[in-house]
Amino acid sequence: SRVAALRRHAVRVRNHAKLVDCYLSTFYKNKGI
């Protein structure tokens, strides 16, 4: 149960980091010169 809780938290951290990165890539795609 402790490893499962740790895994759930790690998945949430990974998803958060990747989603923030998607926001950033969208920003850089739409940013003009």
Full PDB file with SEQRES, HELIX, SHEET, SSBOND, CRYST1, ORIGX, SCALE, CONECT and MASTER records, all heavy atoms in Angstrom:
SEQRES   1 A   33  SER ARG VAL ALA ALA LEU ARG ARG HIS ALA VAL ARG VAL          
SEQRES   2 A   33  ARG ASN HIS ALA LYS LEU VAL ASP CYS TYR LEU SER THR          
SEQRES   3 A   33  PHE TYR LYS ASN LYS GLY ILE                                  
HELIX    1 AA1 ARG A    2  ASN A   30  1                                  29    
CRYST1    1.000    1.000    1.000  90.00  90.00  90.00 P 1           1          
ORIGX1      1.000000  0.000000  0.000000        0.00000                         
ORIGX2      0.000000  1.000000  0.000000        0.00000                         
ORIGX3      0.000000  0.000000  1.000000        0.00000                         
SCALE1      1.000000  0.000000  0.000000        0.00000                         
SCALE2      0.000000  1.000000  0.000000        0.00000                         
SCALE3      0.000000  0.000000  1.000000        0.00000                         
ATOM      1  N   SER A   1       0.832  -1.209   0.000  1.00  0.00           N  
ATOM      2  CA  SER A   1       0.000   0.000   0.000  1.00  0.00           C  
ATOM      3  C   SER A   1       0.865   1.257   0.000  1.00  0.00           C  
ATOM      4  O   SER A   1       0.520   2.245  -0.646  1.00  0.00           O  
ATOM      5  CB  SER A   1      -0.969   0.003   1.171  1.00  0.00           C  
ATOM      6  OG  SER A   1      -0.279   0.090   2.394  1.00  0.00           O  
ATOM      7  N   ARG A   2       2.000   1.233   0.688  1.00  0.00           N  
ATOM      8  CA  ARG A   2       2.884   2.398   0.678  1.00  0.00           C  
ATOM      9  C   ARG A   2       3.503   2.609  -0.703  1.00  0.00           C  
ATOM     10  O   ARG A   2       3.597   3.736  -1.174  1.00  0.00           O  
ATOM     11  CB  ARG A   2       3.981   2.247   1.721  1.00  0.00           C  
ATOM     12  CG  ARG A   2       3.484   2.471   3.115  1.00  0.00           C  
ATOM     13  CD  ARG A   2       4.596   2.429   4.107  1.00  0.00           C  
ATOM     14  NE  ARG A   2       4.063   2.626   5.451  1.00  0.00           N  
ATOM     15  CZ  ARG A   2       4.788   2.557   6.533  1.00  0.00           C  
ATOM     16  NH1 ARG A   2       6.072   2.293   6.456  1.00  0.00           N  
ATOM     17  NH2 ARG A   2       4.239   2.755   7.703  1.00  0.00           N  
ATOM     18  N   VAL A   3       3.920   1.524  -1.329  1.00  0.00           N  
ATOM     19  CA  VAL A   3       4.486   1.645  -2.677  1.00  0.00           C  
ATOM     20  C   VAL A   3       3.411   2.098  -3.659  1.00  0.00           C  
ATOM     21  O   VAL A   3       3.675   2.917  -4.535  1.00  0.00           O  
ATOM     22  CB  VAL A   3       5.146   0.315  -3.116  1.00  0.00           C  
ATOM     23  CG1 VAL A   3       5.521   0.339  -4.583  1.00  0.00           C  
ATOM     24  CG2 VAL A   3       6.385   0.037  -2.271  1.00  0.00           C  
ATOM     25  N   ALA A   4       2.189   1.608  -3.494  1.00  0.00           N  
ATOM     26  CA  ALA A   4       1.091   2.038  -4.371  1.00  0.00           C  
ATOM     27  C   ALA A   4       0.793   3.529  -4.192  1.00  0.00           C  
ATOM     28  O   ALA A   4       0.562   4.242  -5.169  1.00  0.00           O  
ATOM     29  CB  ALA A   4      -0.158   1.209  -4.099  1.00  0.00           C  
ATOM     30  N   ALA A   5       0.820   3.993  -2.952  1.00  0.00           N  
ATOM     31  CA  ALA A   5       0.592   5.424  -2.707  1.00  0.00           C  
ATOM     32  C   ALA A   5       1.729   6.253  -3.293  1.00  0.00           C  
ATOM     33  O   ALA A   5       1.488   7.313  -3.893  1.00  0.00           O  
ATOM     34  CB  ALA A   5       0.470   5.686  -1.208  1.00  0.00           C  
ATOM     35  N   LEU A   6       2.944   5.774  -3.149  1.00  0.00           N  
ATOM     36  CA  LEU A   6       4.096   6.467  -3.734  1.00  0.00           C  
ATOM     37  C   LEU A   6       3.988   6.505  -5.250  1.00  0.00           C  
ATOM     38  O   LEU A   6       4.267   7.524  -5.881  1.00  0.00           O  
ATOM     39  CB  LEU A   6       5.395   5.775  -3.312  1.00  0.00           C  
ATOM     40  CG  LEU A   6       6.679   6.348  -3.873  1.00  0.00           C  
ATOM     41  CD1 LEU A   6       6.901   7.759  -3.344  1.00  0.00           C  
ATOM     42  CD2 LEU A   6       7.845   5.463  -3.517  1.00  0.00           C  
ATOM     43  N   ARG A   7       3.555   5.414  -5.846  1.00  0.00           N  
ATOM     44  CA  ARG A   7       3.394   5.348  -7.302  1.00  0.00           C  
ATOM     45  C   ARG A   7       2.316   6.318  -7.782  1.00  0.00           C  
ATOM     46  O   ARG A   7       2.491   7.020  -8.775  1.00  0.00           O  
ATOM     47  CB  ARG A   7       3.060   3.927  -7.737  1.00  0.00           C  
ATOM     48  CG  ARG A   7       3.031   3.766  -9.232  1.00  0.00           C  
ATOM     49  CD  ARG A   7       2.707   2.326  -9.631  1.00  0.00           C  
ATOM     50  NE  ARG A   7       2.730   2.195 -11.064  1.00  0.00           N  
ATOM     51  CZ  ARG A   7       1.758   2.591 -11.875  1.00  0.00           C  
ATOM     52  NH1 ARG A   7       0.665   3.149 -11.377  1.00  0.00           N  
ATOM     53  NH2 ARG A   7       1.859   2.437 -13.168  1.00  0.00           N  
ATOM     54  N   ARG A   8       1.187   6.363  -7.070  1.00  0.00           N  
ATOM     55  CA  ARG A   8       0.116   7.311  -7.436  1.00  0.00           C  
ATOM     56  C   ARG A   8       0.616   8.747  -7.385  1.00  0.00           C  
ATOM     57  O   ARG A   8       0.332   9.552  -8.275  1.00  0.00           O  
ATOM     58  CB  ARG A   8      -1.094   7.144  -6.512  1.00  0.00           C  
ATOM     59  CG  ARG A   8      -1.984   5.979  -6.843  1.00  0.00           C  
ATOM     60  CD  ARG A   8      -3.284   6.037  -6.059  1.00  0.00           C  
ATOM     61  NE  ARG A   8      -3.089   6.056  -4.617  1.00  0.00           N  
ATOM     62  CZ  ARG A   8      -2.997   4.984  -3.840  1.00  0.00           C  
ATOM     63  NH1 ARG A   8      -3.095   3.788  -4.370  1.00  0.00           N  
ATOM     64  NH2 ARG A   8      -2.824   5.105  -2.535  1.00  0.00           N  
ATOM     65  N   HIS A   9       1.376   9.075  -6.342  1.00  0.00           N  
ATOM     66  CA  HIS A   9       1.905  10.427  -6.223  1.00  0.00           C  
ATOM     67  C   HIS A   9       2.907  10.717  -7.342  1.00  0.00           C  
ATOM     68  O   HIS A   9       2.903  11.813  -7.913  1.00  0.00           O  
ATOM     69  CB  HIS A   9       2.562  10.622  -4.855  1.00  0.00           C  
ATOM     70  CG  HIS A   9       3.043  12.009  -4.623  1.00  0.00           C  
ATOM     71  ND1 HIS A   9       2.191  13.077  -4.452  1.00  0.00           N  
ATOM     72  CD2 HIS A   9       4.301  12.520  -4.568  1.00  0.00           C  
ATOM     73  CE1 HIS A   9       2.885  14.180  -4.292  1.00  0.00           C  
ATOM     74  NE2 HIS A   9       4.176  13.875  -4.359  1.00  0.00           N  
ATOM     75  N   ALA A  10       3.749   9.751  -7.666  1.00  0.00           N  
ATOM     76  CA  ALA A  10       4.736   9.934  -8.743  1.00  0.00           C  
ATOM     77  C   ALA A  10       4.037  10.146 -10.086  1.00  0.00           C  
ATOM     78  O   ALA A  10       4.477  10.965 -10.899  1.00  0.00           O  
ATOM     79  CB  ALA A  10       5.677   8.737  -8.806  1.00  0.00           C  
ATOM     80  N   VAL A  11       2.953   9.433 -10.323  1.00  0.00           N  
ATOM     81  CA  VAL A  11       2.192   9.611 -11.570  1.00  0.00           C  
ATOM     82  C   VAL A  11       1.593  11.010 -11.621  1.00  0.00           C  
ATOM     83  O   VAL A  11       1.624  11.666 -12.667  1.00  0.00           O  
ATOM     84  CB  VAL A  11       1.093   8.529 -11.699  1.00  0.00           C  
ATOM     85  CG1 VAL A  11       0.096   8.866 -12.794  1.00  0.00           C  
ATOM     86  CG2 VAL A  11       1.729   7.167 -11.961  1.00  0.00           C  
ATOM     87  N   ARG A  12       1.080  11.492 -10.501  1.00  0.00           N  
ATOM     88  CA  ARG A  12       0.517  12.847 -10.472  1.00  0.00           C  
ATOM     89  C   ARG A  12       1.590  13.902 -10.720  1.00  0.00           C  
ATOM     90  O   ARG A  12       1.355  14.875 -11.439  1.00  0.00           O  
ATOM     91  CB  ARG A  12      -0.182  13.100  -9.135  1.00  0.00           C  
ATOM     92  CG  ARG A  12      -1.473  12.299  -9.002  1.00  0.00           C  
ATOM     93  CD  ARG A  12      -2.161  12.523  -7.694  1.00  0.00           C  
ATOM     94  NE  ARG A  12      -2.548  13.919  -7.556  1.00  0.00           N  
ATOM     95  CZ  ARG A  12      -2.747  14.509  -6.404  1.00  0.00           C  
ATOM     96  NH1 ARG A  12      -2.605  13.848  -5.274  1.00  0.00           N  
ATOM     97  NH2 ARG A  12      -3.107  15.773  -6.353  1.00  0.00           N  
ATOM     98  N   VAL A  13       2.771  13.701 -10.145  1.00  0.00           N  
ATOM     99  CA  VAL A  13       3.876  14.644 -10.360  1.00  0.00           C  
ATOM    100  C   VAL A  13       4.303  14.632 -11.823  1.00  0.00           C  
ATOM    101  O   VAL A  13       4.507  15.682 -12.438  1.00  0.00           O  
ATOM    102  CB  VAL A  13       5.073  14.308  -9.430  1.00  0.00           C  
ATOM    103  CG1 VAL A  13       6.326  15.044  -9.845  1.00  0.00           C  
ATOM    104  CG2 VAL A  13       4.725  14.618  -7.991  1.00  0.00           C  
ATOM    105  N   ARG A  14       4.428  13.431 -12.397  1.00  0.00           N  
ATOM    106  CA  ARG A  14       4.812  13.315 -13.808  1.00  0.00           C  
ATOM    107  C   ARG A  14       3.779  13.983 -14.707  1.00  0.00           C  
ATOM    108  O   ARG A  14       4.131  14.744 -15.614  1.00  0.00           O  
ATOM    109  CB  ARG A  14       4.959  11.843 -14.189  1.00  0.00           C  
ATOM    110  CG  ARG A  14       5.340  11.671 -15.663  1.00  0.00           C  
ATOM    111  CD  ARG A  14       5.063  10.303 -16.190  1.00  0.00           C  
ATOM    112  NE  ARG A  14       3.644  10.015 -16.100  1.00  0.00           N  
ATOM    113  CZ  ARG A  14       3.136   8.805 -16.205  1.00  0.00           C  
ATOM    114  NH1 ARG A  14       3.917   7.769 -16.351  1.00  0.00           N  
ATOM    115  NH2 ARG A  14       1.843   8.617 -16.152  1.00  0.00           N  
ATOM    116  N   ASN A  15       2.507  13.723 -14.472  1.00  0.00           N  
ATOM    117  CA  ASN A  15       1.449  14.316 -15.295  1.00  0.00           C  
ATOM    118  C   ASN A  15       1.445  15.838 -15.166  1.00  0.00           C  
ATOM    119  O   ASN A  15       1.246  16.543 -16.162  1.00  0.00           O  
ATOM    120  CB  ASN A  15       0.092  13.752 -14.907  1.00  0.00           C  
ATOM    121  CG  ASN A  15      -0.059  12.297 -15.286  1.00  0.00           C  
ATOM    122  OD1 ASN A  15       0.769  11.741 -16.004  1.00  0.00           O  
ATOM    123  ND2 ASN A  15      -1.091  11.664 -14.788  1.00  0.00           N  
ATOM    124  N   HIS A  16       1.676  16.333 -13.960  1.00  0.00           N  
ATOM    125  CA  HIS A  16       1.720  17.784 -13.754  1.00  0.00           C  
ATOM    126  C   HIS A  16       2.882  18.389 -14.541  1.00  0.00           C  
ATOM    127  O   HIS A  16       2.711  19.392 -15.240  1.00  0.00           O  
ATOM    128  CB  HIS A  16       1.857  18.098 -12.268  1.00  0.00           C  
ATOM    129  CG  HIS A  16       2.072  19.537 -11.966  1.00  0.00           C  
ATOM    130  ND1 HIS A  16       1.089  20.489 -12.138  1.00  0.00           N  
ATOM    131  CD2 HIS A  16       3.163  20.204 -11.528  1.00  0.00           C  
ATOM    132  CE1 HIS A  16       1.556  21.674 -11.803  1.00  0.00           C  
ATOM    133  NE2 HIS A  16       2.819  21.533 -11.430  1.00  0.00           N  
ATOM    134  N   ALA A  17       4.051  17.776 -14.442  1.00  0.00           N  
ATOM    135  CA  ALA A  17       5.225  18.307 -15.150  1.00  0.00           C  
ATOM    136  C   ALA A  17       5.009  18.287 -16.659  1.00  0.00           C  
ATOM    137  O   ALA A  17       5.337  19.253 -17.361  1.00  0.00           O  
ATOM    138  CB  ALA A  17       6.466  17.492 -14.788  1.00  0.00           C  
ATOM    139  N   LYS A  18       4.441  17.211 -17.163  1.00  0.00           N  
ATOM    140  CA  LYS A  18       4.223  17.119 -18.610  1.00  0.00           C  
ATOM    141  C   LYS A  18       3.138  18.082 -19.081  1.00  0.00           C  
ATOM    142  O   LYS A  18       3.231  18.629 -20.179  1.00  0.00           O  
ATOM    143  CB  LYS A  18       3.899  15.684 -19.006  1.00  0.00           C  
ATOM    144  CG  LYS A  18       5.122  14.785 -18.922  1.00  0.00           C  
ATOM    145  CD  LYS A  18       4.843  13.418 -19.466  1.00  0.00           C  
ATOM    146  CE  LYS A  18       6.118  12.597 -19.462  1.00  0.00           C  
ATOM    147  NZ  LYS A  18       5.916  11.292 -20.085  1.00  0.00           N  
ATOM    148  N   LEU A  19       2.124  18.300 -18.264  1.00  0.00           N  
ATOM    149  CA  LEU A  19       1.070  19.235 -18.664  1.00  0.00           C  
ATOM    150  C   LEU A  19       1.577  20.677 -18.643  1.00  0.00           C  
ATOM    151  O   LEU A  19       1.268  21.454 -19.553  1.00  0.00           O  
ATOM    152  CB  LEU A  19      -0.154  19.085 -17.768  1.00  0.00           C  
ATOM    153  CG  LEU A  19      -1.405  19.816 -18.228  1.00  0.00           C  
ATOM    154  CD1 LEU A  19      -1.799  19.395 -19.641  1.00  0.00           C  
ATOM    155  CD2 LEU A  19      -2.546  19.560 -17.287  1.00  0.00           C  
ATOM    156  N   VAL A  20       2.375  21.029 -17.649  1.00  0.00           N  
ATOM    157  CA  VAL A  20       2.979  22.364 -17.633  1.00  0.00           C  
ATOM    158  C   VAL A  20       3.880  22.530 -18.855  1.00  0.00           C  
ATOM    159  O   VAL A  20       3.905  23.587 -19.486  1.00  0.00           O  
ATOM    160  CB  VAL A  20       3.759  22.611 -16.317  1.00  0.00           C  
ATOM    161  CG1 VAL A  20       4.599  23.866 -16.399  1.00  0.00           C  
ATOM    162  CG2 VAL A  20       2.789  22.713 -15.146  1.00  0.00           C  
ATOM    163  N   ASP A  21       4.589  21.463 -19.224  1.00  0.00           N  
ATOM    164  CA  ASP A  21       5.431  21.514 -20.416  1.00  0.00           C  
ATOM    165  C   ASP A  21       4.583  21.684 -21.678  1.00  0.00           C  
ATOM    166  O   ASP A  21       5.001  22.372 -22.612  1.00  0.00           O  
ATOM    167  CB  ASP A  21       6.278  20.247 -20.508  1.00  0.00           C  
ATOM    168  CG  ASP A  21       7.414  20.399 -21.478  1.00  0.00           C  
ATOM    169  OD1 ASP A  21       8.196  21.368 -21.353  1.00  0.00           O  
ATOM    170  OD2 ASP A  21       7.530  19.540 -22.395  1.00  0.00           O  
ATOM    171  N   CYS A  22       3.400  21.090 -21.714  1.00  0.00           N  
ATOM    172  CA  CYS A  22       2.497  21.285 -22.863  1.00  0.00           C  
ATOM    173  C   CYS A  22       2.014  22.735 -22.940  1.00  0.00           C  
ATOM    174  O   CYS A  22       1.905  23.296 -24.032  1.00  0.00           O  
ATOM    175  CB  CYS A  22       1.302  20.343 -22.777  1.00  0.00           C  
ATOM    176  SG  CYS A  22       1.696  18.657 -23.187  1.00  0.00           S  
ATOM    177  N   TYR A  23       1.708  23.324 -21.793  1.00  0.00           N  
ATOM    178  CA  TYR A  23       1.357  24.747 -21.773  1.00  0.00           C  
ATOM    179  C   TYR A  23       2.514  25.573 -22.325  1.00  0.00           C  
ATOM    180  O   TYR A  23       2.311  26.491 -23.121  1.00  0.00           O  
ATOM    181  CB  TYR A  23       1.034  25.206 -20.346  1.00  0.00           C  
ATOM    182  CG  TYR A  23      -0.398  25.029 -19.916  1.00  0.00           C  
ATOM    183  CD1 TYR A  23      -0.810  23.908 -19.224  1.00  0.00           C  
ATOM    184  CD2 TYR A  23      -1.344  26.019 -20.177  1.00  0.00           C  
ATOM    185  CE1 TYR A  23      -2.120  23.758 -18.814  1.00  0.00           C  
ATOM    186  CE2 TYR A  23      -2.656  25.888 -19.763  1.00  0.00           C  
ATOM    187  CZ  TYR A  23      -3.036  24.750 -19.081  1.00  0.00           C  
ATOM    188  OH  TYR A  23      -4.339  24.615 -18.686  1.00  0.00           O  
ATOM    189  N   LEU A  24       3.740  25.248 -21.893  1.00  0.00           N  
ATOM    190  CA  LEU A  24       4.910  25.991 -22.360  1.00  0.00           C  
ATOM    191  C   LEU A  24       5.138  25.818 -23.856  1.00  0.00           C  
ATOM    192  O   LEU A  24       5.437  26.786 -24.558  1.00  0.00           O  
ATOM    193  CB  LEU A  24       6.162  25.511 -21.616  1.00  0.00           C  
ATOM    194  CG  LEU A  24       6.467  26.210 -20.322  1.00  0.00           C  
ATOM    195  CD1 LEU A  24       7.628  25.529 -19.623  1.00  0.00           C  
ATOM    196  CD2 LEU A  24       6.774  27.659 -20.546  1.00  0.00           C  
ATOM    197  N   SER A  25       5.015  24.598 -24.353  1.00  0.00           N  
ATOM    198  CA  SER A  25       5.231  24.388 -25.789  1.00  0.00           C  
ATOM    199  C   SER A  25       4.167  25.105 -26.609  1.00  0.00           C  
ATOM    200  O   SER A  25       4.466  25.648 -27.677  1.00  0.00           O  
ATOM    201  CB  SER A  25       5.281  22.901 -26.127  1.00  0.00           C  
ATOM    202  OG  SER A  25       4.057  22.285 -25.849  1.00  0.00           O  
ATOM    203  N   THR A  26       2.937  25.159 -26.103  1.00  0.00           N  
ATOM    204  CA  THR A  26       1.888  25.916 -26.776  1.00  0.00           C  
ATOM    205  C   THR A  26       2.237  27.402 -26.788  1.00  0.00           C  
ATOM    206  O   THR A  26       2.045  28.089 -27.800  1.00  0.00           O  
ATOM    207  CB  THR A  26       0.534  25.696 -26.082  1.00  0.00           C  
ATOM    208  OG1 THR A  26       0.238  24.308 -26.080  1.00  0.00           O  
ATOM    209  CG2 THR A  26      -0.575  26.460 -26.767  1.00  0.00           C  
ATOM    210  N   PHE A  27       2.765  27.890 -25.686  1.00  0.00           N  
ATOM    211  CA  PHE A  27       3.177  29.287 -25.601  1.00  0.00           C  
ATOM    212  C   PHE A  27       4.262  29.584 -26.638  1.00  0.00           C  
ATOM    213  O   PHE A  27       4.178  30.576 -27.371  1.00  0.00           O  
ATOM    214  CB  PHE A  27       3.680  29.605 -24.189  1.00  0.00           C  
ATOM    215  CG  PHE A  27       4.314  30.950 -24.054  1.00  0.00           C  
ATOM    216  CD1 PHE A  27       3.550  32.102 -24.076  1.00  0.00           C  
ATOM    217  CD2 PHE A  27       5.691  31.069 -23.911  1.00  0.00           C  
ATOM    218  CE1 PHE A  27       4.136  33.358 -23.948  1.00  0.00           C  
ATOM    219  CE2 PHE A  27       6.285  32.306 -23.776  1.00  0.00           C  
ATOM    220  CZ  PHE A  27       5.505  33.453 -23.802  1.00  0.00           C  
ATOM    221  N   TYR A  28       5.276  28.730 -26.722  1.00  0.00           N  
ATOM    222  CA  TYR A  28       6.376  28.973 -27.660  1.00  0.00           C  
ATOM    223  C   TYR A  28       5.946  28.816 -29.117  1.00  0.00           C  
ATOM    224  O   TYR A  28       6.476  29.488 -29.995  1.00  0.00           O  
ATOM    225  CB  TYR A  28       7.564  28.069 -27.352  1.00  0.00           C  
ATOM    226  CG  TYR A  28       8.283  28.483 -26.088  1.00  0.00           C  
ATOM    227  CD1 TYR A  28       8.475  27.582 -25.061  1.00  0.00           C  
ATOM    228  CD2 TYR A  28       8.734  29.782 -25.911  1.00  0.00           C  
ATOM    229  CE1 TYR A  28       9.128  27.960 -23.897  1.00  0.00           C  
ATOM    230  CE2 TYR A  28       9.376  30.169 -24.750  1.00  0.00           C  
ATOM    231  CZ  TYR A  28       9.571  29.249 -23.751  1.00  0.00           C  
ATOM    232  OH  TYR A  28      10.207  29.633 -22.600  1.00  0.00           O  
ATOM    233  N   LYS A  29       4.960  27.933 -29.384  1.00  0.00           N  
ATOM    234  CA  LYS A  29       4.453  27.784 -30.757  1.00  0.00           C  
ATOM    235  C   LYS A  29       3.704  29.034 -31.203  1.00  0.00           C  
ATOM    236  O   LYS A  29       3.765  29.422 -32.369  1.00  0.00           O  
ATOM    237  CB  LYS A  29       3.498  26.590 -30.849  1.00  0.00           C  
ATOM    238  CG  LYS A  29       4.166  25.258 -30.901  1.00  0.00           C  
ATOM    239  CD  LYS A  29       3.110  24.167 -30.986  1.00  0.00           C  
ATOM    240  CE  LYS A  29       3.662  22.839 -30.594  1.00  0.00           C  
ATOM    241  NZ  LYS A  29       2.621  21.812 -30.462  1.00  0.00           N  
ATOM    242  N   ASN A  30       2.973  29.652 -30.276  1.00  0.00           N  
ATOM    243  CA  ASN A  30       2.146  30.815 -30.623  1.00  0.00           C  
ATOM    244  C   ASN A  30       2.871  32.139 -30.459  1.00  0.00           C  
ATOM    245  O   ASN A  30       2.351  33.176 -30.860  1.00  0.00           O  
ATOM    246  CB  ASN A  30       0.872  30.820 -29.774  1.00  0.00           C  
ATOM    247  CG  ASN A  30      -0.056  29.714 -30.181  1.00  0.00           C  
ATOM    248  OD1 ASN A  30      -0.563  29.700 -31.292  1.00  0.00           O  
ATOM    249  ND2 ASN A  30      -0.254  28.752 -29.296  1.00  0.00           N  
ATOM    250  N   LYS A  31       4.029  32.113 -29.868  1.00  0.00           N  
ATOM    251  CA  LYS A  31       4.794  33.333 -29.659  1.00  0.00           C  
ATOM    252  C   LYS A  31       5.466  33.735 -30.974  1.00  0.00           C  
ATOM    253  O   LYS A  31       6.132  32.950 -31.615  1.00  0.00           O  
ATOM    254  CB  LYS A  31       5.858  33.100 -28.588  1.00  0.00           C  
ATOM    255  CG  LYS A  31       6.654  34.309 -28.235  1.00  0.00           C  
ATOM    256  CD  LYS A  31       7.670  33.973 -27.159  1.00  0.00           C  
ATOM    257  CE  LYS A  31       8.535  35.185 -26.920  1.00  0.00           C  
ATOM    258  NZ  LYS A  31       9.655  34.878 -26.036  1.00  0.00           N  
ATOM    259  N   GLY A  32       5.253  34.950 -31.368  1.00  0.00           N  
ATOM    260  CA  GLY A  32       5.850  35.453 -32.598  1.00  0.00           C  
ATOM    261  C   GLY A  32       7.243  36.015 -32.357  1.00  0.00           C  
ATOM    262  O   GLY A  32       7.740  36.076 -31.230  1.00  0.00           O  
ATOM    263  N   ILE A  33       7.859  36.447 -33.434  1.00  0.00           N  
ATOM    264  CA  ILE A  33       9.212  37.000 -33.361  1.00  0.00           C  
ATOM    265  C   ILE A  33       9.224  38.287 -32.539  1.00  0.00           C  
ATOM    266  O   ILE A  33      10.140  38.529 -31.768  1.00  0.00           O  
ATOM    267  CB  ILE A  33       9.757  37.271 -34.779  1.00  0.00           C  
ATOM    268  CG1 ILE A  33       9.876  35.972 -35.542  1.00  0.00           C  
ATOM    269  CG2 ILE A  33      11.099  37.976 -34.715  1.00  0.00           C  
ATOM    270  CD1 ILE A  33      10.192  36.154 -37.019  1.00  0.00           C  
TER     271      ILE A  33                                                      
MASTER        0    0    0    1    0    0    0    6  270    1    0    3          
END                                                                             
